[in-house]
Amino acid sequence: MPRASSVILLCAVLLAAGCEGIRNEAETRQCRANLNTLSTEQALFRSTFGRWADDIHELDGFAKRTVPLVCPSCGEGYDMEVDPAGGYTLACPCGEHGSIVTGTTSWAVEPRRRRS
């Protein structure tokens, strides 16, 4: 019986580790989706007003968002800097999921898979 308990414990540990990896991947994807949303809103803001939004609060107002987007890993709002010479940088507040500089992501964009 102790052997069966060991096998069950090992399976539980492996399952928990696998679930953690899945959760981390989901949080990374959600954070990057949020960054992409903010970047798209910056482009729309510039198209509408002829300038970049000064900060996240201005983007939230433009998008009529009442609750700011936050990184799902740390729960903090995104960092944004506007370069006076032109352009902007949006970054994950945790520093774990990347950034977008004037529409260019810091991560490689994976091609979409075809559905079978």
C-alpha atoms as a PDB file:
ATOM      1  CA  MET A   1       0.000   0.000   0.000  1.00  0.00           C
ATOM      2  CA  PRO A   2       2.827   2.521   0.664  1.00  0.00           C
ATOM      3  CA  ARG A   3       3.896   2.099  -2.968  1.00  0.00           C
ATOM      4  CA  ALA A   4       0.403   3.052  -4.203  1.00  0.00           C
ATOM      5  CA  SER A   5       0.455   6.143  -1.975  1.00  0.00           C
ATOM      6  CA  SER A   6       3.819   7.147  -3.421  1.00  0.00           C
ATOM      7  CA  VAL A   7       2.527   6.773  -6.972  1.00  0.00           C
ATOM      8  CA  ILE A   8      -0.578   8.834  -6.177  1.00  0.00           C
ATOM      9  CA  LEU A   9       1.549  11.528  -4.530  1.00  0.00           C
ATOM     10  CA  LEU A  10       3.917  11.615  -7.511  1.00  0.00           C
ATOM     11  CA  CYS A  11       0.976  11.933  -9.922  1.00  0.00           C
ATOM     12  CA  ALA A  12      -0.486  14.764  -7.847  1.00  0.00           C
ATOM     13  CA  VAL A  13       2.830  16.644  -7.845  1.00  0.00           C
ATOM     14  CA  LEU A  14       3.253  16.213 -11.609  1.00  0.00           C
ATOM     15  CA  LEU A  15      -0.323  17.301 -12.256  1.00  0.00           C
ATOM     16  CA  ALA A  16       0.109  20.397 -10.085  1.00  0.00           C
ATOM     17  CA  ALA A  17       3.337  21.299 -11.902  1.00  0.00           C
ATOM     18  CA  GLY A  18       1.619  20.884 -15.269  1.00  0.00           C
ATOM     19  CA  CYS A  19      -1.307  23.052 -14.204  1.00  0.00           C
ATOM     20  CA  GLU A  20       1.098  25.772 -13.044  1.00  0.00           C
ATOM     21  CA  GLY A  21       2.717  25.801 -16.479  1.00  0.00           C
ATOM     22  CA  ILE A  22      -0.674  26.075 -18.162  1.00  0.00           C
ATOM     23  CA  ARG A  23      -1.660  28.923 -15.822  1.00  0.00           C
ATOM     24  CA  ASN A  24       1.596  30.786 -16.534  1.00  0.00           C
ATOM     25  CA  GLU A  25       1.071  30.419 -20.288  1.00  0.00           C
ATOM     26  CA  ALA A  26      -2.510  31.684 -19.989  1.00  0.00           C
ATOM     27  CA  GLU A  27      -1.376  34.709 -17.960  1.00  0.00           C
ATOM     28  CA  THR A  28       1.346  35.500 -20.502  1.00  0.00           C
ATOM     29  CA  ARG A  29      -1.160  35.342 -23.364  1.00  0.00           C
ATOM     30  CA  GLN A  30      -3.682  37.528 -21.496  1.00  0.00           C
ATOM     31  CA  CYS A  31      -1.048  40.107 -20.571  1.00  0.00           C
ATOM     32  CA  ARG A  32       0.152  40.312 -24.163  1.00  0.00           C
ATOM     33  CA  ALA A  33      -3.440  40.595 -25.384  1.00  0.00           C
ATOM     34  CA  ASN A  34      -3.903  43.529 -22.988  1.00  0.00           C
ATOM     35  CA  LEU A  35      -0.712  45.161 -24.294  1.00  0.00           C
ATOM     36  CA  ASN A  36      -1.958  44.684 -27.871  1.00  0.00           C
ATOM     37  CA  THR A  37      -5.299  46.253 -26.924  1.00  0.00           C
ATOM     38  CA  LEU A  38      -3.549  49.304 -25.474  1.00  0.00           C
ATOM     39  CA  SER A  39      -1.296  49.573 -28.537  1.00  0.00           C
ATOM     40  CA  THR A  40      -4.297  49.444 -30.877  1.00  0.00           C
ATOM     41  CA  GLU A  41      -6.009  52.116 -28.792  1.00  0.00           C
ATOM     42  CA  GLN A  42      -2.882  54.299 -29.047  1.00  0.00           C
ATOM     43  CA  ALA A  43      -3.028  54.006 -32.852  1.00  0.00           C
ATOM     44  CA  LEU A  44      -6.732  54.905 -32.870  1.00  0.00           C
ATOM     45  CA  PHE A  45      -6.107  57.808 -30.479  1.00  0.00           C
ATOM     46  CA  ARG A  46      -3.373  59.169 -32.740  1.00  0.00           C
ATOM     47  CA  SER A  47      -5.577  58.761 -35.800  1.00  0.00           C
ATOM     48  CA  THR A  48      -8.362  60.686 -34.039  1.00  0.00           C
ATOM     49  CA  PHE A  49      -6.380  63.453 -32.289  1.00  0.00           C
ATOM     50  CA  GLY A  50      -3.101  63.626 -34.221  1.00  0.00           C
ATOM     51  CA  ARG A  51      -0.973  62.812 -31.170  1.00  0.00           C
ATOM     52  CA  TRP A  52      -0.232  59.924 -28.813  1.00  0.00           C
ATOM     53  CA  ALA A  53      -2.206  59.677 -25.580  1.00  0.00           C
ATOM     54  CA  ASP A  54      -0.112  61.037 -22.710  1.00  0.00           C
ATOM     55  CA  ASP A  55      -0.868  58.203 -20.301  1.00  0.00           C
ATOM     56  CA  ILE A  56      -2.923  55.075 -19.652  1.00  0.00           C
ATOM     57  CA  HIS A  57      -5.712  57.101 -18.012  1.00  0.00           C
ATOM     58  CA  GLU A  58      -6.193  59.069 -21.212  1.00  0.00           C
ATOM     59  CA  LEU A  59      -6.391  55.802 -23.187  1.00  0.00           C
ATOM     60  CA  ASP A  60      -8.883  54.374 -20.684  1.00  0.00           C
ATOM     61  CA  GLY A  61     -11.095  57.441 -21.145  1.00  0.00           C
ATOM     62  CA  PHE A  62     -10.797  57.225 -24.927  1.00  0.00           C
ATOM     63  CA  ALA A  63     -11.814  53.541 -24.826  1.00  0.00           C
ATOM     64  CA  LYS A  64     -14.570  54.314 -22.282  1.00  0.00           C
ATOM     65  CA  ARG A  65     -12.979  51.737 -19.992  1.00  0.00           C
ATOM     66  CA  THR A  66     -14.090  52.135 -16.373  1.00  0.00           C
ATOM     67  CA  VAL A  67     -11.698  49.510 -15.006  1.00  0.00           C
ATOM     68  CA  PRO A  68      -8.062  49.761 -16.137  1.00  0.00           C
ATOM     69  CA  LEU A  69      -6.397  46.756 -17.750  1.00  0.00           C
ATOM     70  CA  VAL A  70      -3.975  44.991 -15.410  1.00  0.00           C
ATOM     71  CA  CYS A  71      -1.411  42.240 -15.755  1.00  0.00           C
ATOM     72  CA  PRO A  72      -3.051  38.981 -14.641  1.00  0.00           C
ATOM     73  CA  SER A  73       0.156  37.811 -12.925  1.00  0.00           C
ATOM     74  CA  CYS A  74       0.760  40.746 -10.589  1.00  0.00           C
ATOM     75  CA  GLY A  75      -2.525  42.686 -10.770  1.00  0.00           C
ATOM     76  CA  GLU A  76      -0.779  46.001 -11.525  1.00  0.00           C
ATOM     77  CA  GLY A  77      -1.596  48.486 -14.273  1.00  0.00           C
ATOM     78  CA  TYR A  78       0.569  48.766 -17.381  1.00  0.00           C
ATOM     79  CA  ASP A  79       3.473  51.187 -17.773  1.00  0.00           C
ATOM     80  CA  MET A  80       3.429  53.653 -20.661  1.00  0.00           C
ATOM     81  CA  GLU A  81       5.985  56.238 -21.737  1.00  0.00           C
ATOM     82  CA  VAL A  82       5.561  58.647 -24.623  1.00  0.00           C
ATOM     83  CA  ASP A  83       8.728  59.738 -26.402  1.00  0.00           C
ATOM     84  CA  PRO A  84       8.660  63.490 -27.150  1.00  0.00           C
ATOM     85  CA  ALA A  85      10.472  62.725 -30.424  1.00  0.00           C
ATOM     86  CA  GLY A  86       7.617  60.400 -31.423  1.00  0.00           C
ATOM     87  CA  GLY A  87       6.494  56.938 -30.447  1.00  0.00           C
ATOM     88  CA  TYR A  88       5.574  55.235 -27.215  1.00  0.00           C
ATOM     89  CA  THR A  89       6.436  52.232 -25.059  1.00  0.00           C
ATOM     90  CA  LEU A  90       3.906  50.008 -23.291  1.00  0.00           C
ATOM     91  CA  ALA A  91       5.300  47.473 -20.823  1.00  0.00           C
ATOM     92  CA  CYS A  92       4.170  44.718 -18.499  1.00  0.00           C
ATOM     93  CA  PRO A  93       4.491  46.062 -14.935  1.00  0.00           C
ATOM     94  CA  CYS A  94       5.994  42.756 -13.766  1.00  0.00           C
ATOM     95  CA  GLY A  95       8.603  42.797 -16.504  1.00  0.00           C
ATOM     96  CA  GLU A  96       7.747  39.186 -17.337  1.00  0.00           C
ATOM     97  CA  HIS A  97       5.576  39.379 -20.442  1.00  0.00           C
ATOM     98  CA  GLY A  98       7.279  41.878 -22.701  1.00  0.00           C
ATOM     99  CA  SER A  99       6.565  45.289 -24.135  1.00  0.00           C
ATOM    100  CA  ILE A 100       5.409  47.076 -27.266  1.00  0.00           C
ATOM    101  CA  VAL A 101       7.370  49.978 -28.742  1.00  0.00           C
ATOM    102  CA  THR A 102       5.297  52.027 -31.181  1.00  0.00           C
ATOM    103  CA  GLY A 103       3.390  48.970 -32.381  1.00  0.00           C
ATOM    104  CA  THR A 104       6.303  46.504 -32.434  1.00  0.00           C
ATOM    105  CA  THR A 105       6.134  43.650 -29.915  1.00  0.00           C
ATOM    106  CA  SER A 106       9.185  42.444 -27.992  1.00  0.00           C
ATOM    107  CA  TRP A 107       8.037  38.841 -28.430  1.00  0.00           C
ATOM    108  CA  ALA A 108       7.906  36.759 -31.583  1.00  0.00           C
ATOM    109  CA  VAL A 109       4.388  36.532 -32.938  1.00  0.00           C
ATOM    110  CA  GLU A 110       3.481  32.891 -33.486  1.00  0.00           C
ATOM    111  CA  PRO A 111       1.663  32.043 -36.717  1.00  0.00           C
ATOM    112  CA  ARG A 112      -1.932  30.988 -36.240  1.00  0.00           C
ATOM    113  CA  ARG A 113      -2.581  27.288 -36.475  1.00  0.00           C
ATOM    114  CA  ARG A 114      -5.085  26.035 -38.982  1.00  0.00           C
ATOM    115  CA  ARG A 115      -8.109  24.353 -37.560  1.00  0.00           C
ATOM    116  CA  SER A 116      -8.577  20.797 -38.773  1.00  0.00           C
END
